[in-house]
Every structure is written in C-alpha cells, then in structure tokens.
C-alpha cells in the first residue's frame, strides 16, 4: 500500500524567515527524505513552486478559464502531483473527495471516473460509482433549478 504525504508551509511566514532559518528547514526536510528513502518508504518527492508563480487552469461549462497566481489552494497544489500519481487509484479518490468538499462538483466527478478506472476490485469501484452518481444527481438538480430560474427572468 502506498501513501501520499503533503508537507507545506505558510508562504507568508516563510518569506519572513532568515536565510539561516530557511537553510535549517531545508536541512530537516533533506534529512527526513534521506531516512525515508533508506527505509524504502519514499518513492518520490516533488517540490511545488510558490503559489505566486501559479497559473490555475480549469474547465467550466466547456470553457477554459485561467487564473494567474497567487491563487492556489491545497486542491491545486495536490493537483501538481498528477503526473507522478497518474495511475494510482488512491490519489484520484482522495482528489475527488477533496474537490467534492470544496464544491468543485464537475472536477470531483472527473476524479471519481479516474478512481473507478484504476480500482482493483468491485467494492472500490461500486463505492466510487455511488459517490459519483450522488454528485451527478445533485448537479442535475442544480441545473434544473438554474434553468427554471432563467425561464422566469
């Protein structure tokens, strides 16, 4: 079984740190990585860029939307690991749940589809299909309500 760990820091606080404090934090991270690799517990480590350099790309209603930094939340930073974990079902399941929790229903449904694709057994597949179907029903209800509201305008 594989696990993913997201280590982060407050970027505003990090900018206020002295060079010696930044060097010490880097040393601690490198020491931790070395121990985990020596134990065979770490397969990959990816450093993400600061959020002020980010460009977020989303598809909404069939249209491509881009937003330049500094806008990145955990869900966007987690998305930065997509290349490393592209065929790893727990990544897609965790991403789907996180997206659902923050109200990104369309993206959550897409992540559930990927989790279903990589699920090893019928129990996992059924669970993700149920969660996706609930979201799709909620979205359908919202779409019908929005269309009804538009008809009154």
C-alpha atoms as a PDB file:
ATOM      1  CA  UNK A   1       0.000   0.000   0.000  1.00  0.00           C
ATOM      2  CA  UNK A   2       1.233   3.477  -0.859  1.00  0.00           C
ATOM      3  CA  UNK A   3       0.523   6.713   0.977  1.00  0.00           C
ATOM      4  CA  UNK A   4       0.944  10.292  -0.045  1.00  0.00           C
ATOM      5  CA  UNK A   5       2.110  12.953   2.352  1.00  0.00           C
ATOM      6  CA  UNK A   6       1.707  16.639   1.606  1.00  0.00           C
ATOM      7  CA  UNK A   7       4.156  18.820   3.532  1.00  0.00           C
ATOM      8  CA  UNK A   8       3.509  22.510   3.302  1.00  0.00           C
ATOM      9  CA  UNK A   9       4.348  25.769   4.985  1.00  0.00           C
ATOM     10  CA  UNK A  10       2.767  29.174   5.184  1.00  0.00           C
ATOM     11  CA  UNK A  11       4.390  31.094   2.339  1.00  0.00           C
ATOM     12  CA  UNK A  12       3.943  34.482   4.035  1.00  0.00           C
ATOM     13  CA  UNK A  13       5.775  33.243   7.138  1.00  0.00           C
ATOM     14  CA  UNK A  14       8.471  31.603   5.038  1.00  0.00           C
ATOM     15  CA  UNK A  15       9.206  34.913   3.313  1.00  0.00           C
ATOM     16  CA  UNK A  16       9.849  36.475   6.723  1.00  0.00           C
ATOM     17  CA  UNK A  17      12.330  33.759   7.745  1.00  0.00           C
ATOM     18  CA  UNK A  18      16.038  34.479   7.780  1.00  0.00           C
ATOM     19  CA  UNK A  19      18.356  32.671   5.395  1.00  0.00           C
ATOM     20  CA  UNK A  20      19.667  30.612   8.326  1.00  0.00           C
ATOM     21  CA  UNK A  21      16.106  29.537   9.211  1.00  0.00           C
ATOM     22  CA  UNK A  22      15.385  28.598   5.575  1.00  0.00           C
ATOM     23  CA  UNK A  23      18.639  26.628   5.412  1.00  0.00           C
ATOM     24  CA  UNK A  24      17.742  24.771   8.626  1.00  0.00           C
ATOM     25  CA  UNK A  25      14.274  23.898   7.313  1.00  0.00           C
ATOM     26  CA  UNK A  26      15.847  22.612   4.092  1.00  0.00           C
ATOM     27  CA  UNK A  27      18.314  20.508   6.095  1.00  0.00           C
ATOM     28  CA  UNK A  28      15.498  18.995   8.179  1.00  0.00           C
ATOM     29  CA  UNK A  29      13.491  18.118   5.051  1.00  0.00           C
ATOM     30  CA  UNK A  30      16.548  16.566   3.363  1.00  0.00           C
ATOM     31  CA  UNK A  31      17.344  14.546   6.500  1.00  0.00           C
ATOM     32  CA  UNK A  32      13.757  13.286   6.640  1.00  0.00           C
ATOM     33  CA  UNK A  33      13.813  12.377   2.926  1.00  0.00           C
ATOM     34  CA  UNK A  34      17.116  10.512   3.326  1.00  0.00           C
ATOM     35  CA  UNK A  35      15.753   8.460   6.256  1.00  0.00           C
ATOM     36  CA  UNK A  36      12.564   7.597   4.381  1.00  0.00           C
ATOM     37  CA  UNK A  37      14.491   6.585   1.235  1.00  0.00           C
ATOM     38  CA  UNK A  38      16.905   4.457   3.312  1.00  0.00           C
ATOM     39  CA  UNK A  39      13.923   2.604   4.808  1.00  0.00           C
ATOM     40  CA  UNK A  40      12.417   2.090   1.350  1.00  0.00           C
ATOM     41  CA  UNK A  41       9.384   4.153   2.318  1.00  0.00           C
ATOM     42  CA  UNK A  42       9.728   7.003  -0.165  1.00  0.00           C
ATOM     43  CA  UNK A  43       9.321   6.568  -3.885  1.00  0.00           C
ATOM     44  CA  UNK A  44       9.148  10.183  -4.990  1.00  0.00           C
ATOM     45  CA  UNK A  45       9.419  13.693  -3.642  1.00  0.00           C
ATOM     46  CA  UNK A  46       8.201  16.665  -5.633  1.00  0.00           C
ATOM     47  CA  UNK A  47       8.724  20.292  -4.725  1.00  0.00           C
ATOM     48  CA  UNK A  48       5.986  22.536  -5.986  1.00  0.00           C
ATOM     49  CA  UNK A  49       6.544  26.142  -6.970  1.00  0.00           C
ATOM     50  CA  UNK A  50       5.264  29.008  -4.853  1.00  0.00           C
ATOM     51  CA  UNK A  51       1.648  29.961  -5.396  1.00  0.00           C
ATOM     52  CA  UNK A  52       2.565  33.445  -6.641  1.00  0.00           C
ATOM     53  CA  UNK A  53       4.014  31.793  -9.770  1.00  0.00           C
ATOM     54  CA  UNK A  54       0.974  29.576 -10.339  1.00  0.00           C
ATOM     55  CA  UNK A  55      -1.424  29.624 -13.218  1.00  0.00           C
ATOM     56  CA  UNK A  56      -4.559  27.679 -12.467  1.00  0.00           C
ATOM     57  CA  UNK A  57      -6.381  26.144 -15.433  1.00  0.00           C
ATOM     58  CA  UNK A  58      -9.974  24.931 -15.145  1.00  0.00           C
ATOM     59  CA  UNK A  59     -12.761  23.934 -17.490  1.00  0.00           C
ATOM     60  CA  UNK A  60     -16.195  25.321 -16.588  1.00  0.00           C
ATOM     61  CA  UNK A  61     -19.203  24.840 -18.787  1.00  0.00           C
ATOM     62  CA  UNK A  62     -16.957  23.774 -21.657  1.00  0.00           C
ATOM     63  CA  UNK A  63     -14.877  26.959 -21.441  1.00  0.00           C
ATOM     64  CA  UNK A  64     -11.214  27.141 -20.477  1.00  0.00           C
ATOM     65  CA  UNK A  65     -10.544  29.516 -17.575  1.00  0.00           C
ATOM     66  CA  UNK A  66      -7.086  30.568 -16.397  1.00  0.00           C
ATOM     67  CA  UNK A  67      -6.161  32.464 -13.272  1.00  0.00           C
ATOM     68  CA  UNK A  68      -2.633  33.712 -12.614  1.00  0.00           C
ATOM     69  CA  UNK A  69      -1.225  33.457  -9.062  1.00  0.00           C
ATOM     70  CA  UNK A  70      -1.266  33.997  -6.227  1.00  0.00           C
ATOM     71  CA  UNK A  71      -4.282  31.705  -6.196  1.00  0.00           C
ATOM     72  CA  UNK A  72      -3.601  28.164  -5.206  1.00  0.00           C
ATOM     73  CA  UNK A  73      -5.271  26.115  -2.561  1.00  0.00           C
ATOM     74  CA  UNK A  74      -4.447  22.643  -1.341  1.00  0.00           C
ATOM     75  CA  UNK A  75      -6.522  21.135  -4.141  1.00  0.00           C
ATOM     76  CA  UNK A  76      -4.395  22.903  -6.769  1.00  0.00           C
ATOM     77  CA  UNK A  77      -1.150  22.001  -5.035  1.00  0.00           C
ATOM     78  CA  UNK A  78      -2.295  18.397  -4.742  1.00  0.00           C
ATOM     79  CA  UNK A  79      -3.043  18.521  -8.448  1.00  0.00           C
ATOM     80  CA  UNK A  80       0.649  19.215  -9.021  1.00  0.00           C
ATOM     81  CA  UNK A  81       1.330  15.570  -8.216  1.00  0.00           C
ATOM     82  CA  UNK A  82      -0.916  14.305 -11.009  1.00  0.00           C
ATOM     83  CA  UNK A  83       1.982  13.321 -13.275  1.00  0.00           C
ATOM     84  CA  UNK A  84       3.659  11.283 -10.555  1.00  0.00           C
ATOM     85  CA  UNK A  85       0.465   9.556  -9.428  1.00  0.00           C
ATOM     86  CA  UNK A  86      -1.487   9.421 -12.705  1.00  0.00           C
ATOM     87  CA  UNK A  87      -2.295   5.706 -12.463  1.00  0.00           C
ATOM     88  CA  UNK A  88      -2.643   5.493  -8.667  1.00  0.00           C
ATOM     89  CA  UNK A  89      -6.276   4.997  -7.613  1.00  0.00           C
ATOM     90  CA  UNK A  90      -5.995   6.387  -4.038  1.00  0.00           C
ATOM     91  CA  UNK A  91      -4.698   9.699  -5.438  1.00  0.00           C
ATOM     92  CA  UNK A  92      -7.787  10.080  -7.634  1.00  0.00           C
ATOM     93  CA  UNK A  93     -10.108   9.001  -4.809  1.00  0.00           C
ATOM     94  CA  UNK A  94      -8.550  11.499  -2.370  1.00  0.00           C
ATOM     95  CA  UNK A  95      -8.628  14.239  -5.019  1.00  0.00           C
ATOM     96  CA  UNK A  96     -12.302  13.519  -5.783  1.00  0.00           C
ATOM     97  CA  UNK A  97     -13.236  13.734  -2.106  1.00  0.00           C
ATOM     98  CA  UNK A  98     -11.285  16.965  -1.607  1.00  0.00           C
ATOM     99  CA  UNK A  99     -12.860  18.548  -4.691  1.00  0.00           C
ATOM    100  CA  UNK A 100     -16.328  17.443  -3.543  1.00  0.00           C
ATOM    101  CA  UNK A 101     -15.765  19.023  -0.140  1.00  0.00           C
ATOM    102  CA  UNK A 102     -14.833  22.390  -1.647  1.00  0.00           C
ATOM    103  CA  UNK A 103     -17.787  22.363  -4.044  1.00  0.00           C
ATOM    104  CA  UNK A 104     -15.940  21.594  -7.293  1.00  0.00           C
ATOM    105  CA  UNK A 105     -18.544  19.038  -8.358  1.00  0.00           C
ATOM    106  CA  UNK A 106     -17.612  18.770 -12.054  1.00  0.00           C
ATOM    107  CA  UNK A 107     -13.929  18.167 -11.276  1.00  0.00           C
ATOM    108  CA  UNK A 108     -14.833  15.771  -8.447  1.00  0.00           C
ATOM    109  CA  UNK A 109     -16.927  13.667 -10.850  1.00  0.00           C
ATOM    110  CA  UNK A 110     -13.992  13.518 -13.269  1.00  0.00           C
ATOM    111  CA  UNK A 111     -11.653  12.420 -10.457  1.00  0.00           C
ATOM    112  CA  UNK A 112     -14.147   9.720  -9.404  1.00  0.00           C
ATOM    113  CA  UNK A 113     -14.148   8.444 -13.008  1.00  0.00           C
ATOM    114  CA  UNK A 114     -10.352   8.086 -12.830  1.00  0.00           C
ATOM    115  CA  UNK A 115     -10.582   6.358  -9.417  1.00  0.00           C
ATOM    116  CA  UNK A 116     -13.132   3.934 -10.886  1.00  0.00           C
ATOM    117  CA  UNK A 117     -10.821   3.268 -13.831  1.00  0.00           C
ATOM    118  CA  UNK A 118      -7.928   2.272 -11.530  1.00  0.00           C
ATOM    119  CA  UNK A 119      -9.963   0.487  -8.826  1.00  0.00           C
ATOM    120  CA  UNK A 120      -8.716  -3.059  -8.260  1.00  0.00           C
ATOM    121  CA  UNK A 121     -11.948  -4.604  -7.080  1.00  0.00           C
ATOM    122  CA  UNK A 122     -15.720  -4.369  -7.407  1.00  0.00           C
ATOM    123  CA  UNK A 123     -16.198  -2.985  -3.872  1.00  0.00           C
ATOM    124  CA  UNK A 124     -13.966   0.029  -4.513  1.00  0.00           C
ATOM    125  CA  UNK A 125     -15.465   0.541  -7.967  1.00  0.00           C
ATOM    126  CA  UNK A 126     -19.034   0.396  -6.607  1.00  0.00           C
ATOM    127  CA  UNK A 127     -18.231   2.848  -3.817  1.00  0.00           C
ATOM    128  CA  UNK A 128     -16.743   5.414  -6.217  1.00  0.00           C
ATOM    129  CA  UNK A 129     -19.599   4.946  -8.689  1.00  0.00           C
ATOM    130  CA  UNK A 130     -22.151   5.642  -5.919  1.00  0.00           C
ATOM    131  CA  UNK A 131     -20.284   8.770  -4.835  1.00  0.00           C
ATOM    132  CA  UNK A 132     -20.022   9.999  -8.434  1.00  0.00           C
ATOM    133  CA  UNK A 133     -23.716   9.270  -9.075  1.00  0.00           C
ATOM    134  CA  UNK A 134     -24.766  11.240  -5.992  1.00  0.00           C
ATOM    135  CA  UNK A 135     -22.759  14.226  -7.223  1.00  0.00           C
ATOM    136  CA  UNK A 136     -24.193  13.923 -10.724  1.00  0.00           C
ATOM    137  CA  UNK A 137     -27.747  13.832  -9.334  1.00  0.00           C
ATOM    138  CA  UNK A 138     -27.052  16.914  -7.206  1.00  0.00           C
ATOM    139  CA  UNK A 139     -25.608  18.691 -10.238  1.00  0.00           C
ATOM    140  CA  UNK A 140     -28.613  17.685 -12.352  1.00  0.00           C
ATOM    141  CA  UNK A 141     -30.934  19.080  -9.691  1.00  0.00           C
ATOM    142  CA  UNK A 142     -28.976  22.321  -9.594  1.00  0.00           C
ATOM    143  CA  UNK A 143     -29.005  22.572 -13.397  1.00  0.00           C
ATOM    144  CA  UNK A 144     -32.800  22.107 -13.497  1.00  0.00           C
ATOM    145  CA  UNK A 145     -33.226  24.773 -10.811  1.00  0.00           C
ATOM    146  CA  UNK A 146     -30.944  27.188 -12.677  1.00  0.00           C
ATOM    147  CA  UNK A 147     -32.817  26.591 -15.948  1.00  0.00           C
ATOM    148  CA  UNK A 148     -36.155  27.184 -14.185  1.00  0.00           C
ATOM    149  CA  UNK A 149     -34.808  30.436 -12.722  1.00  0.00           C
ATOM    150  CA  UNK A 150     -33.634  31.554 -16.170  1.00  0.00           C
ATOM    151  CA  UNK A 151     -37.096  30.845 -17.591  1.00  0.00           C
ATOM    152  CA  UNK A 152     -38.614  33.312 -15.105  1.00  0.00           C
ATOM    153  CA  UNK A 153     -36.254  36.152 -15.984  1.00  0.00           C
END
